[in-house]
Amino acid sequence: MVLTDIEFLMNYLEEKNVPTITKKRHNYLTYNGLEERYTYILKEGIIKNSVILQDGREFNLSYIAKPDVISLLRDEVSKYTSSPFNVRVESKEATFYRIDRVTFWEYVNSTIELQNYVKNYYRKKLSENIYRSQRMIMNGKKGAICAFVYSLIDLFGKQISNGILIDFDITNEDIANFCGISSRSSVNRILVELEKEQVISKIKRKIVITDISYLLDFIAN
């Protein structure tokens, strides 16, 4: 059986007996701008990446809900480097491999499979950043929220009788911070509009997508 890049990485870390750490819900793993000597790889759980803007507001970058490297910086030799963003645990707990960053790059430079993983990692992050910028600049607030809700399907979507349940509690504040919207009230107003238009509904504060074609049309426009 051919392993995917991430499967190879996880097996490689196990073989190297790389230690793990566990953090509880809403605890931070790293902070934007602080010196960090480790590379972290999410083993299980859900985390959120964010940065702090110049005006002090938090801007959310992404959820990660499956095994993946949290961040890779091109500086391969410095023992310490500044963490590019905040990493906060969003599930009940999350477990991470923690490896000295210089050692991690030694592994990468000596293993072709890990080099492939790194190339794919940078390519994927670049595509995500371009898409995120387009979502906020071109679609307005409503379009940004529609695109964000659609992006949650791959992460947390579960098919139910009347649509796709986003099986994860996401606050209006978090949605605002993901979409570059300054107020939670604007998010609430747009979500109410989408409910009235029967694009979404709610089950115990969780979003149910009832008209996925509407979201797709908004993204395409």
N, C-alpha and C. Protein backbone atom coordinates (compact mmCIF):
# COMPACT_ATOMS: atom_id res chain seq x y z
N MET A 1 0.84 -1.19 0.00
CA MET A 1 0.00 0.00 0.00
C MET A 1 0.88 1.25 0.00
N VAL A 2 0.55 2.21 -0.89
CA VAL A 2 1.31 3.45 -0.98
C VAL A 2 0.79 4.43 0.07
N LEU A 3 1.69 4.96 0.89
CA LEU A 3 1.29 5.89 1.93
C LEU A 3 1.21 7.30 1.38
N THR A 4 0.28 8.10 1.90
CA THR A 4 0.26 9.52 1.58
C THR A 4 1.43 10.19 2.29
N ASP A 5 1.72 11.44 1.91
CA ASP A 5 2.82 12.17 2.53
C ASP A 5 2.65 12.27 4.03
N ILE A 6 1.44 12.60 4.48
CA ILE A 6 1.24 12.79 5.91
C ILE A 6 1.29 11.46 6.65
N GLU A 7 0.80 10.39 6.01
CA GLU A 7 0.89 9.06 6.64
C GLU A 7 2.35 8.66 6.80
N PHE A 8 3.15 8.94 5.79
CA PHE A 8 4.58 8.64 5.89
C PHE A 8 5.20 9.43 7.03
N LEU A 9 4.87 10.72 7.12
CA LEU A 9 5.43 11.55 8.19
C LEU A 9 5.05 11.02 9.56
N MET A 10 3.79 10.67 9.74
CA MET A 10 3.34 10.19 11.06
C MET A 10 4.05 8.88 11.42
N ASN A 11 4.17 7.97 10.47
CA ASN A 11 4.88 6.72 10.73
C ASN A 11 6.35 6.98 11.04
N TYR A 12 6.94 7.92 10.31
CA TYR A 12 8.35 8.27 10.51
C TYR A 12 8.57 8.80 11.92
N LEU A 13 7.69 9.66 12.39
CA LEU A 13 7.82 10.22 13.74
C LEU A 13 7.67 9.15 14.80
N GLU A 14 6.76 8.20 14.56
CA GLU A 14 6.60 7.09 15.51
C GLU A 14 7.86 6.25 15.56
N GLU A 15 8.44 5.96 14.40
CA GLU A 15 9.65 5.15 14.35
C GLU A 15 10.82 5.84 15.05
N LYS A 16 10.84 7.18 14.99
CA LYS A 16 11.89 7.95 15.63
C LYS A 16 11.60 8.21 17.12
N ASN A 17 10.46 7.70 17.58
CA ASN A 17 10.05 7.88 18.98
C ASN A 17 10.00 9.35 19.39
N VAL A 18 9.48 10.16 18.49
CA VAL A 18 9.32 11.58 18.80
C VAL A 18 8.25 11.73 19.89
N PRO A 19 8.54 12.48 20.95
CA PRO A 19 7.59 12.61 22.06
C PRO A 19 6.37 13.44 21.67
N THR A 20 5.30 13.25 22.42
CA THR A 20 4.08 14.02 22.20
C THR A 20 3.73 14.82 23.45
N ILE A 21 2.95 15.88 23.25
CA ILE A 21 2.38 16.63 24.36
C ILE A 21 0.89 16.77 24.11
N THR A 22 0.12 17.00 25.17
CA THR A 22 -1.32 17.16 25.05
C THR A 22 -1.74 18.47 25.70
N LYS A 23 -2.60 19.21 25.01
CA LYS A 23 -3.14 20.47 25.52
C LYS A 23 -4.66 20.38 25.60
N LYS A 24 -5.22 21.05 26.60
CA LYS A 24 -6.67 21.06 26.79
C LYS A 24 -7.32 22.16 25.97
N ARG A 25 -8.65 22.09 25.86
CA ARG A 25 -9.45 23.05 25.10
C ARG A 25 -9.14 24.48 25.52
N HIS A 26 -8.95 25.35 24.54
CA HIS A 26 -8.70 26.78 24.67
C HIS A 26 -7.35 27.11 25.29
N ASN A 27 -6.48 26.10 25.47
CA ASN A 27 -5.09 26.38 25.81
C ASN A 27 -4.31 26.68 24.53
N TYR A 28 -3.30 27.52 24.66
CA TYR A 28 -2.48 27.88 23.51
C TYR A 28 -1.24 27.02 23.45
N LEU A 29 -0.90 26.63 22.23
CA LEU A 29 0.33 25.89 21.98
C LEU A 29 1.48 26.84 21.69
N THR A 30 1.24 27.83 20.84
CA THR A 30 2.25 28.84 20.51
C THR A 30 1.57 30.20 20.44
N TYR A 31 2.40 31.24 20.53
CA TYR A 31 1.91 32.61 20.44
C TYR A 31 2.64 33.35 19.33
N ASN A 32 1.90 34.10 18.55
CA ASN A 32 2.42 34.89 17.44
C ASN A 32 3.57 35.79 17.91
N GLY A 33 4.75 35.61 17.28
CA GLY A 33 5.88 36.49 17.54
C GLY A 33 6.84 36.04 18.62
N LEU A 34 6.45 35.05 19.43
CA LEU A 34 7.35 34.57 20.48
C LEU A 34 8.35 33.57 19.92
N GLU A 35 9.53 33.54 20.52
CA GLU A 35 10.56 32.62 20.05
C GLU A 35 10.15 31.17 20.32
N GLU A 36 10.41 30.31 19.35
CA GLU A 36 10.00 28.90 19.45
C GLU A 36 11.13 28.02 18.93
N ARG A 37 11.42 26.95 19.65
CA ARG A 37 12.50 26.05 19.22
C ARG A 37 12.00 24.73 18.67
N TYR A 38 10.69 24.52 18.68
CA TYR A 38 10.14 23.23 18.25
C TYR A 38 9.28 23.37 17.00
N THR A 39 9.22 22.27 16.26
CA THR A 39 8.21 22.08 15.24
C THR A 39 7.14 21.18 15.82
N TYR A 40 5.87 21.55 15.60
CA TYR A 40 4.75 20.78 16.15
C TYR A 40 3.96 20.15 15.01
N ILE A 41 3.56 18.91 15.21
CA ILE A 41 2.73 18.20 14.24
C ILE A 41 1.48 17.72 14.97
N LEU A 42 0.33 18.16 14.52
CA LEU A 42 -0.92 17.74 15.15
C LEU A 42 -1.13 16.25 14.92
N LYS A 43 -1.29 15.50 16.00
CA LYS A 43 -1.55 14.07 15.90
C LYS A 43 -3.05 13.80 15.91
N GLU A 44 -3.76 14.41 16.85
CA GLU A 44 -5.22 14.29 16.89
C GLU A 44 -5.80 15.48 17.64
N GLY A 45 -7.01 15.87 17.24
CA GLY A 45 -7.67 17.01 17.85
C GLY A 45 -7.96 18.08 16.80
N ILE A 46 -8.43 19.22 17.27
CA ILE A 46 -8.77 20.36 16.40
C ILE A 46 -8.09 21.60 16.97
N ILE A 47 -7.44 22.35 16.09
CA ILE A 47 -6.79 23.59 16.52
C ILE A 47 -7.20 24.73 15.59
N LYS A 48 -6.92 25.94 16.06
CA LYS A 48 -7.18 27.15 15.27
C LYS A 48 -5.91 27.98 15.22
N ASN A 49 -5.54 28.42 14.01
CA ASN A 49 -4.40 29.33 13.83
C ASN A 49 -4.92 30.75 13.68
N SER A 50 -4.24 31.70 14.30
CA SER A 50 -4.64 33.10 14.17
C SER A 50 -3.42 34.00 14.33
N VAL A 51 -3.58 35.25 13.90
CA VAL A 51 -2.55 36.27 14.10
C VAL A 51 -3.20 37.48 14.75
N ILE A 52 -2.38 38.34 15.34
CA ILE A 52 -2.87 39.58 15.93
C ILE A 52 -2.54 40.72 14.97
N LEU A 53 -3.57 41.46 14.56
CA LEU A 53 -3.38 42.58 13.65
C LEU A 53 -2.81 43.79 14.38
N GLN A 54 -2.38 44.78 13.62
CA GLN A 54 -1.76 45.96 14.21
C GLN A 54 -2.71 46.71 15.15
N ASP A 55 -4.01 46.64 14.89
CA ASP A 55 -4.96 47.32 15.76
C ASP A 55 -5.36 46.49 16.97
N GLY A 56 -4.70 45.33 17.13
CA GLY A 56 -4.96 44.50 18.30
C GLY A 56 -6.02 43.43 18.11
N ARG A 57 -6.74 43.47 16.98
CA ARG A 57 -7.76 42.46 16.72
C ARG A 57 -7.13 41.14 16.30
N GLU A 58 -7.83 40.05 16.61
CA GLU A 58 -7.37 38.73 16.19
C GLU A 58 -7.96 38.41 14.82
N PHE A 59 -7.13 37.87 13.95
CA PHE A 59 -7.58 37.43 12.63
C PHE A 59 -7.31 35.95 12.50
N ASN A 60 -8.39 35.17 12.33
CA ASN A 60 -8.25 33.72 12.23
C ASN A 60 -7.80 33.32 10.83
N LEU A 61 -6.89 32.36 10.79
CA LEU A 61 -6.36 31.88 9.52
C LEU A 61 -6.99 30.57 9.08
N SER A 62 -7.03 29.59 9.98
CA SER A 62 -7.55 28.29 9.58
C SER A 62 -7.82 27.42 10.79
N TYR A 63 -8.72 26.46 10.59
CA TYR A 63 -8.85 25.32 11.49
C TYR A 63 -8.02 24.19 10.91
N ILE A 64 -7.43 23.40 11.77
CA ILE A 64 -6.79 22.15 11.35
C ILE A 64 -7.42 21.04 12.17
N ALA A 65 -7.99 20.06 11.48
CA ALA A 65 -8.76 19.03 12.18
C ALA A 65 -8.28 17.62 11.85
N LYS A 66 -7.11 17.53 11.23
CA LYS A 66 -6.54 16.21 10.95
C LYS A 66 -5.02 16.32 11.03
N PRO A 67 -4.31 15.20 11.11
CA PRO A 67 -2.86 15.27 11.28
C PRO A 67 -2.20 16.16 10.24
N ASP A 68 -1.33 17.05 10.72
CA ASP A 68 -0.63 17.95 9.82
C ASP A 68 0.43 18.70 10.62
N VAL A 69 1.44 19.20 9.92
CA VAL A 69 2.42 20.07 10.55
C VAL A 69 1.77 21.42 10.81
N ILE A 70 1.99 21.98 11.99
CA ILE A 70 1.35 23.24 12.34
C ILE A 70 1.96 24.39 11.56
N SER A 71 3.27 24.45 11.49
CA SER A 71 3.91 25.49 10.69
C SER A 71 5.29 25.02 10.26
N LEU A 72 5.65 25.41 9.07
CA LEU A 72 6.99 25.13 8.56
C LEU A 72 7.61 26.45 8.13
N LEU A 73 8.76 26.79 8.67
CA LEU A 73 9.47 28.00 8.28
C LEU A 73 10.71 27.61 7.49
N ARG A 74 11.08 28.41 6.52
CA ARG A 74 12.18 28.05 5.64
C ARG A 74 13.55 28.14 6.32
N ASP A 75 13.63 28.84 7.43
CA ASP A 75 14.89 28.90 8.18
C ASP A 75 15.15 27.53 8.78
N GLU A 76 16.13 26.82 8.23
CA GLU A 76 16.37 25.43 8.62
C GLU A 76 17.48 25.27 9.65
N VAL A 77 18.19 26.36 9.98
CA VAL A 77 19.39 26.19 10.81
C VAL A 77 19.30 26.86 12.17
N SER A 78 18.48 27.90 12.30
CA SER A 78 18.39 28.59 13.59
C SER A 78 17.70 27.71 14.62
N LYS A 79 18.26 27.70 15.81
CA LYS A 79 17.68 26.89 16.88
C LYS A 79 16.34 27.47 17.31
N TYR A 80 16.22 28.79 17.31
CA TYR A 80 14.97 29.46 17.68
C TYR A 80 14.50 30.32 16.51
N THR A 81 13.18 30.47 16.40
CA THR A 81 12.61 31.37 15.41
C THR A 81 11.27 31.85 15.92
N SER A 82 10.80 32.98 15.41
CA SER A 82 9.53 33.54 15.87
C SER A 82 8.36 32.71 15.37
N SER A 83 7.45 32.41 16.25
CA SER A 83 6.25 31.68 15.85
C SER A 83 5.39 32.57 14.95
N PRO A 84 4.93 32.04 13.80
CA PRO A 84 4.19 32.89 12.85
C PRO A 84 2.77 33.20 13.28
N PHE A 85 2.20 32.43 14.20
CA PHE A 85 0.83 32.70 14.62
C PHE A 85 0.50 32.03 15.95
N ASN A 86 -0.66 32.42 16.49
CA ASN A 86 -1.19 31.75 17.67
C ASN A 86 -1.77 30.41 17.25
N VAL A 87 -1.61 29.41 18.11
CA VAL A 87 -2.25 28.12 17.90
C VAL A 87 -3.04 27.78 19.16
N ARG A 88 -4.37 27.69 19.03
CA ARG A 88 -5.21 27.41 20.19
C ARG A 88 -5.99 26.12 19.98
N VAL A 89 -6.10 25.31 21.00
CA VAL A 89 -6.84 24.04 20.93
C VAL A 89 -8.34 24.34 20.97
N GLU A 90 -9.09 23.78 20.02
CA GLU A 90 -10.53 24.01 19.94
C GLU A 90 -11.34 22.76 20.29
N SER A 91 -10.73 21.60 20.28
CA SER A 91 -11.41 20.37 20.70
C SER A 91 -11.20 20.18 22.21
N LYS A 92 -11.81 19.14 22.77
CA LYS A 92 -11.67 18.88 24.21
C LYS A 92 -10.20 18.82 24.61
N GLU A 93 -9.39 18.22 23.77
CA GLU A 93 -7.94 18.23 23.93
C GLU A 93 -7.32 17.91 22.58
N ALA A 94 -6.04 18.18 22.46
CA ALA A 94 -5.32 17.88 21.22
C ALA A 94 -3.93 17.39 21.59
N THR A 95 -3.43 16.46 20.77
CA THR A 95 -2.11 15.88 21.00
C THR A 95 -1.20 16.24 19.84
N PHE A 96 0.04 16.61 20.17
CA PHE A 96 1.00 17.05 19.17
C PHE A 96 2.32 16.30 19.33
N TYR A 97 2.93 15.95 18.20
CA TYR A 97 4.34 15.59 18.23
C TYR A 97 5.13 16.90 18.40
N ARG A 98 6.17 16.85 19.24
CA ARG A 98 7.01 18.02 19.43
C ARG A 98 8.46 17.62 19.17
N ILE A 99 9.07 18.26 18.19
CA ILE A 99 10.41 17.88 17.78
C ILE A 99 11.26 19.14 17.62
N ASP A 100 12.49 19.08 18.08
CA ASP A 100 13.42 20.18 17.89
C ASP A 100 13.46 20.54 16.41
N ARG A 101 13.31 21.83 16.09
CA ARG A 101 13.13 22.23 14.70
C ARG A 101 14.36 21.94 13.83
N VAL A 102 15.55 22.06 14.39
CA VAL A 102 16.75 21.75 13.62
C VAL A 102 16.81 20.26 13.31
N THR A 103 16.45 19.43 14.28
CA THR A 103 16.40 17.98 14.06
C THR A 103 15.36 17.64 13.00
N PHE A 104 14.21 18.31 13.06
CA PHE A 104 13.17 18.06 12.07
C PHE A 104 13.69 18.32 10.66
N TRP A 105 14.39 19.44 10.46
CA TRP A 105 14.90 19.75 9.13
C TRP A 105 16.00 18.79 8.70
N GLU A 106 16.75 18.26 9.65
CA GLU A 106 17.74 17.23 9.31
C GLU A 106 17.04 16.00 8.77
N TYR A 107 15.92 15.63 9.39
CA TYR A 107 15.13 14.50 8.89
C TYR A 107 14.64 14.78 7.47
N VAL A 108 14.11 16.00 7.27
CA VAL A 108 13.56 16.36 5.95
C VAL A 108 14.65 16.30 4.88
N ASN A 109 15.79 16.88 5.16
CA ASN A 109 16.85 16.97 4.16
C ASN A 109 17.48 15.61 3.82
N SER A 110 17.23 14.63 4.66
CA SER A 110 17.81 13.30 4.41
C SER A 110 16.79 12.30 3.88
N THR A 111 15.53 12.73 3.70
CA THR A 111 14.47 11.80 3.33
C THR A 111 13.63 12.39 2.21
N ILE A 112 13.64 11.76 1.05
CA ILE A 112 12.96 12.30 -0.12
C ILE A 112 11.45 12.42 0.11
N GLU A 113 10.86 11.46 0.83
CA GLU A 113 9.41 11.50 1.08
C GLU A 113 9.04 12.74 1.90
N LEU A 114 9.89 13.09 2.87
CA LEU A 114 9.61 14.28 3.67
C LEU A 114 9.83 15.55 2.86
N GLN A 115 10.77 15.53 1.95
CA GLN A 115 10.97 16.68 1.06
C GLN A 115 9.72 16.89 0.20
N ASN A 116 9.13 15.81 -0.27
CA ASN A 116 7.89 15.92 -1.04
C ASN A 116 6.77 16.49 -0.20
N TYR A 117 6.71 16.06 1.05
CA TYR A 117 5.69 16.58 1.95
C TYR A 117 5.84 18.09 2.10
N VAL A 118 7.08 18.55 2.33
CA VAL A 118 7.33 19.98 2.53
C VAL A 118 6.93 20.78 1.30
N LYS A 119 7.28 20.30 0.10
CA LYS A 119 6.91 21.01 -1.13
C LYS A 119 5.40 21.11 -1.26
N ASN A 120 4.71 20.01 -0.99
CA ASN A 120 3.25 20.02 -1.07
C ASN A 120 2.64 20.93 -0.01
N TYR A 121 3.28 20.97 1.16
CA TYR A 121 2.80 21.81 2.26
C TYR A 121 2.82 23.27 1.84
N TYR A 122 3.95 23.74 1.31
CA TYR A 122 4.05 25.14 0.91
C TYR A 122 3.08 25.46 -0.22
N ARG A 123 2.93 24.53 -1.16
CA ARG A 123 2.02 24.74 -2.28
C ARG A 123 0.57 24.86 -1.77
N LYS A 124 0.21 24.00 -0.84
CA LYS A 124 -1.15 24.03 -0.31
C LYS A 124 -1.41 25.31 0.47
N LYS A 125 -0.45 25.73 1.31
CA LYS A 125 -0.64 26.95 2.10
C LYS A 125 -0.73 28.18 1.22
N LEU A 126 0.06 28.21 0.14
CA LEU A 126 -0.02 29.33 -0.78
C LEU A 126 -1.40 29.41 -1.42
N SER A 127 -1.92 28.25 -1.85
CA SER A 127 -3.25 28.23 -2.46
C SER A 127 -4.31 28.68 -1.47
N GLU A 128 -4.20 28.23 -0.23
CA GLU A 128 -5.17 28.62 0.80
C GLU A 128 -5.12 30.12 1.04
N ASN A 129 -3.93 30.70 1.09
CA ASN A 129 -3.80 32.13 1.33
C ASN A 129 -4.40 32.95 0.19
N ILE A 130 -4.16 32.50 -1.05
CA ILE A 130 -4.73 33.20 -2.20
C ILE A 130 -6.25 33.14 -2.16
N TYR A 131 -6.78 31.96 -1.88
CA TYR A 131 -8.23 31.79 -1.83
C TYR A 131 -8.83 32.65 -0.73
N ARG A 132 -8.18 32.69 0.43
CA ARG A 132 -8.70 33.47 1.56
C ARG A 132 -8.74 34.96 1.20
N SER A 133 -7.70 35.45 0.55
CA SER A 133 -7.66 36.85 0.16
C SER A 133 -8.76 37.16 -0.86
N GLN A 134 -8.94 36.28 -1.84
CA GLN A 134 -9.99 36.49 -2.83
C GLN A 134 -11.36 36.51 -2.18
N ARG A 135 -11.56 35.62 -1.22
CA ARG A 135 -12.84 35.50 -0.53
C ARG A 135 -13.21 36.80 0.16
N MET A 136 -12.26 37.44 0.79
CA MET A 136 -12.54 38.65 1.55
C MET A 136 -12.62 39.89 0.66
N ILE A 137 -11.79 39.95 -0.38
CA ILE A 137 -11.71 41.16 -1.20
C ILE A 137 -12.84 41.23 -2.21
N MET A 138 -13.19 40.10 -2.82
CA MET A 138 -14.09 40.11 -3.96
C MET A 138 -15.56 39.89 -3.62
N ASN A 139 -15.85 39.24 -2.51
CA ASN A 139 -17.21 38.79 -2.27
C ASN A 139 -18.00 39.61 -1.27
N GLY A 140 -17.39 40.58 -0.60
CA GLY A 140 -18.11 41.31 0.43
C GLY A 140 -18.35 40.45 1.65
N LYS A 141 -19.03 41.01 2.64
CA LYS A 141 -19.22 40.31 3.90
C LYS A 141 -20.04 39.03 3.73
N LYS A 142 -21.16 39.15 3.01
CA LYS A 142 -22.02 37.98 2.85
C LYS A 142 -21.32 36.88 2.07
N GLY A 143 -20.62 37.27 1.01
CA GLY A 143 -19.90 36.28 0.22
C GLY A 143 -18.78 35.63 1.01
N ALA A 144 -18.10 36.42 1.85
CA ALA A 144 -17.02 35.87 2.66
C ALA A 144 -17.57 34.84 3.64
N ILE A 145 -18.72 35.13 4.23
CA ILE A 145 -19.32 34.18 5.18
C ILE A 145 -19.80 32.94 4.44
N CYS A 146 -20.41 33.11 3.28
CA CYS A 146 -20.86 31.94 2.50
C CYS A 146 -19.67 31.05 2.14
N ALA A 147 -18.58 31.66 1.69
CA ALA A 147 -17.40 30.88 1.33
C ALA A 147 -16.81 30.19 2.55
N PHE A 148 -16.81 30.88 3.69
CA PHE A 148 -16.27 30.27 4.91
C PHE A 148 -17.13 29.09 5.35
N VAL A 149 -18.44 29.26 5.35
CA VAL A 149 -19.33 28.16 5.74
C VAL A 149 -19.12 26.96 4.82
N TYR A 150 -18.98 27.22 3.52
CA TYR A 150 -18.74 26.13 2.58
C TYR A 150 -17.43 25.41 2.90
N SER A 151 -16.40 26.17 3.30
CA SER A 151 -15.09 25.56 3.59
C SER A 151 -15.14 24.63 4.79
N LEU A 152 -16.17 24.79 5.63
CA LEU A 152 -16.28 23.95 6.83
C LEU A 152 -16.76 22.54 6.51
N ILE A 153 -17.30 22.34 5.30
CA ILE A 153 -17.86 21.03 4.96
C ILE A 153 -16.79 19.94 5.03
N ASP A 154 -15.63 20.19 4.41
CA ASP A 154 -14.57 19.19 4.40
C ASP A 154 -14.04 18.90 5.80
N LEU A 155 -14.07 19.91 6.66
CA LEU A 155 -13.53 19.74 8.00
C LEU A 155 -14.50 19.06 8.95
N PHE A 156 -15.76 19.52 8.93
CA PHE A 156 -16.70 19.10 9.98
C PHE A 156 -18.05 18.63 9.43
N GLY A 157 -18.21 18.55 8.11
CA GLY A 157 -19.52 18.25 7.54
C GLY A 157 -19.95 16.80 7.74
N LYS A 158 -21.23 16.64 8.10
CA LYS A 158 -21.85 15.31 8.21
C LYS A 158 -23.21 15.36 7.53
N GLN A 159 -23.43 14.41 6.62
CA GLN A 159 -24.71 14.36 5.91
C GLN A 159 -25.81 13.92 6.87
N ILE A 160 -26.89 14.71 6.94
CA ILE A 160 -28.07 14.35 7.71
C ILE A 160 -29.28 14.45 6.79
N SER A 161 -30.45 14.15 7.32
CA SER A 161 -31.64 14.04 6.46
C SER A 161 -31.98 15.34 5.74
N ASN A 162 -31.76 16.48 6.39
CA ASN A 162 -32.17 17.75 5.78
C ASN A 162 -31.02 18.64 5.34
N GLY A 163 -29.82 18.05 5.18
CA GLY A 163 -28.70 18.84 4.70
C GLY A 163 -27.37 18.33 5.21
N ILE A 164 -26.43 19.24 5.33
CA ILE A 164 -25.09 18.91 5.82
C ILE A 164 -24.87 19.63 7.16
N LEU A 165 -24.71 18.86 8.20
CA LEU A 165 -24.48 19.42 9.52
C LEU A 165 -22.99 19.75 9.68
N ILE A 166 -22.70 20.99 10.08
CA ILE A 166 -21.34 21.37 10.46
C ILE A 166 -21.20 21.02 11.93
N ASP A 167 -20.65 19.85 12.18
CA ASP A 167 -20.66 19.27 13.52
C ASP A 167 -19.53 19.83 14.39
N PHE A 168 -19.62 21.14 14.60
CA PHE A 168 -18.61 21.82 15.41
C PHE A 168 -19.17 23.16 15.84
N ASP A 169 -18.99 23.51 17.11
CA ASP A 169 -19.49 24.78 17.63
C ASP A 169 -18.58 25.91 17.18
N ILE A 170 -19.12 26.83 16.40
CA ILE A 170 -18.36 27.98 15.91
C ILE A 170 -19.12 29.24 16.30
N THR A 171 -18.48 30.12 17.03
CA THR A 171 -19.13 31.34 17.49
C THR A 171 -19.16 32.38 16.38
N ASN A 172 -20.10 33.33 16.52
CA ASN A 172 -20.14 34.45 15.57
C ASN A 172 -18.85 35.26 15.60
N GLU A 173 -18.25 35.35 16.78
CA GLU A 173 -16.98 36.06 16.89
C GLU A 173 -15.89 35.39 16.07
N ASP A 174 -15.83 34.06 16.13
CA ASP A 174 -14.84 33.34 15.33
C ASP A 174 -15.10 33.51 13.84
N ILE A 175 -16.37 33.45 13.43
CA ILE A 175 -16.70 33.65 12.02
C ILE A 175 -16.24 35.04 11.57
N ALA A 176 -16.52 36.04 12.41
CA ALA A 176 -16.09 37.40 12.09
C ALA A 176 -14.58 37.47 11.93
N ASN A 177 -13.86 36.82 12.82
CA ASN A 177 -12.39 36.86 12.77
C ASN A 177 -11.83 36.08 11.60
N PHE A 178 -12.55 35.09 11.11
CA PHE A 178 -12.11 34.37 9.91
C PHE A 178 -12.37 35.18 8.64
N CYS A 179 -13.41 36.00 8.66
CA CYS A 179 -13.86 36.68 7.44
C CYS A 179 -13.46 38.14 7.38
N GLY A 180 -12.69 38.61 8.36
CA GLY A 180 -12.25 40.00 8.35
C GLY A 180 -13.37 40.98 8.61
N ILE A 181 -14.38 40.56 9.38
CA ILE A 181 -15.53 41.41 9.71
C ILE A 181 -15.35 41.91 11.14
N SER A 182 -15.56 43.20 11.36
CA SER A 182 -15.21 43.80 12.64
C SER A 182 -16.21 43.52 13.76
N SER A 183 -17.46 43.21 13.42
CA SER A 183 -18.47 43.06 14.48
C SER A 183 -19.22 41.75 14.38
N ARG A 184 -19.51 41.17 15.55
CA ARG A 184 -20.30 39.94 15.59
C ARG A 184 -21.74 40.19 15.14
N SER A 185 -22.24 41.41 15.36
CA SER A 185 -23.62 41.72 14.98
C SER A 185 -23.81 41.62 13.47
N SER A 186 -22.77 41.99 12.70
CA SER A 186 -22.86 41.86 11.24
C SER A 186 -22.95 40.40 10.84
N VAL A 187 -22.17 39.56 11.51
CA VAL A 187 -22.22 38.12 11.24
C VAL A 187 -23.60 37.58 11.57
N ASN A 188 -24.13 37.97 12.72
CA ASN A 188 -25.45 37.48 13.13
C ASN A 188 -26.52 37.89 12.12
N ARG A 189 -26.47 39.14 11.66
CA ARG A 189 -27.45 39.63 10.69
C ARG A 189 -27.39 38.81 9.40
N ILE A 190 -26.19 38.53 8.91
CA ILE A 190 -26.04 37.77 7.66
C ILE A 190 -26.50 36.33 7.83
N LEU A 191 -26.18 35.72 8.97
CA LEU A 191 -26.64 34.36 9.22
C LEU A 191 -28.15 34.28 9.30
N VAL A 192 -28.78 35.30 9.90
CA VAL A 192 -30.25 35.34 9.96
C VAL A 192 -30.82 35.45 8.55
N GLU A 193 -30.18 36.28 7.70
CA GLU A 193 -30.62 36.38 6.31
C GLU A 193 -30.53 35.03 5.60
N LEU A 194 -29.43 34.33 5.82
CA LEU A 194 -29.26 33.02 5.18
C LEU A 194 -30.29 32.01 5.68
N GLU A 195 -30.66 32.12 6.95
CA GLU A 195 -31.71 31.24 7.47
C GLU A 195 -33.05 31.57 6.81
N LYS A 196 -33.36 32.86 6.67
CA LYS A 196 -34.62 33.26 6.04
C LYS A 196 -34.68 32.82 4.59
N GLU A 197 -33.52 32.82 3.94
CA GLU A 197 -33.45 32.38 2.54
C GLU A 197 -33.34 30.87 2.42
N GLN A 198 -33.38 30.17 3.55
CA GLN A 198 -33.34 28.71 3.63
C GLN A 198 -32.05 28.13 3.05
N VAL A 199 -30.99 28.88 3.21
CA VAL A 199 -29.67 28.40 2.83
C VAL A 199 -29.06 27.58 3.96
N ILE A 200 -29.30 28.02 5.18
CA ILE A 200 -28.83 27.31 6.37
C ILE A 200 -29.96 27.23 7.39
N SER A 201 -29.78 26.35 8.37
CA SER A 201 -30.64 26.32 9.56
C SER A 201 -29.71 26.05 10.74
N LYS A 202 -30.27 25.98 11.92
CA LYS A 202 -29.46 25.75 13.11
C LYS A 202 -30.02 24.57 13.91
N ILE A 203 -29.11 23.74 14.44
CA ILE A 203 -29.46 22.68 15.38
C ILE A 203 -28.53 22.83 16.59
N LYS A 204 -29.10 23.26 17.70
CA LYS A 204 -28.31 23.45 18.93
C LYS A 204 -27.05 24.26 18.66
N ARG A 205 -27.21 25.40 18.03
CA ARG A 205 -26.14 26.37 17.74
C ARG A 205 -25.19 25.92 16.63
N LYS A 206 -25.42 24.74 16.08
CA LYS A 206 -24.60 24.26 14.98
C LYS A 206 -25.29 24.55 13.64
N ILE A 207 -24.48 24.89 12.63
CA ILE A 207 -25.01 25.25 11.32
C ILE A 207 -25.34 23.99 10.52
N VAL A 208 -26.49 24.01 9.86
CA VAL A 208 -26.87 22.98 8.89
C VAL A 208 -27.01 23.66 7.53
N ILE A 209 -26.24 23.20 6.56
CA ILE A 209 -26.33 23.75 5.20
C ILE A 209 -27.46 23.02 4.48
N THR A 210 -28.49 23.77 4.09
CA THR A 210 -29.65 23.17 3.42
C THR A 210 -29.69 23.48 1.93
N ASP A 211 -28.87 24.43 1.48
CA ASP A 211 -28.82 24.77 0.05
C ASP A 211 -27.36 25.01 -0.33
N ILE A 212 -26.65 23.95 -0.61
CA ILE A 212 -25.22 24.06 -0.91
C ILE A 212 -24.99 24.77 -2.24
N SER A 213 -25.93 24.66 -3.18
CA SER A 213 -25.77 25.31 -4.48
C SER A 213 -25.74 26.83 -4.32
N TYR A 214 -26.47 27.37 -3.36
CA TYR A 214 -26.45 28.81 -3.10
C TYR A 214 -25.04 29.26 -2.71
N LEU A 215 -24.42 28.51 -1.83
CA LEU A 215 -23.05 28.85 -1.40
C LEU A 215 -22.09 28.77 -2.58
N LEU A 216 -22.24 27.75 -3.39
CA LEU A 216 -21.35 27.58 -4.55
C LEU A 216 -21.52 28.73 -5.55
N ASP A 217 -22.76 29.16 -5.77
CA ASP A 217 -23.00 30.27 -6.69
C ASP A 217 -22.37 31.55 -6.16
N PHE A 218 -22.45 31.76 -4.86
CA PHE A 218 -21.86 32.95 -4.26
C PHE A 218 -20.34 32.94 -4.43
N ILE A 219 -19.75 31.77 -4.23
CA ILE A 219 -18.29 31.65 -4.36
C ILE A 219 -17.87 31.89 -5.80
N ALA A 220 -18.62 31.34 -6.74
CA ALA A 220 -18.29 31.48 -8.17
C ALA A 220 -18.37 32.93 -8.61
N ASN A 221 -19.29 33.69 -7.99
CA ASN A 221 -19.44 35.09 -8.37
C ASN A 221 -18.39 35.97 -7.73
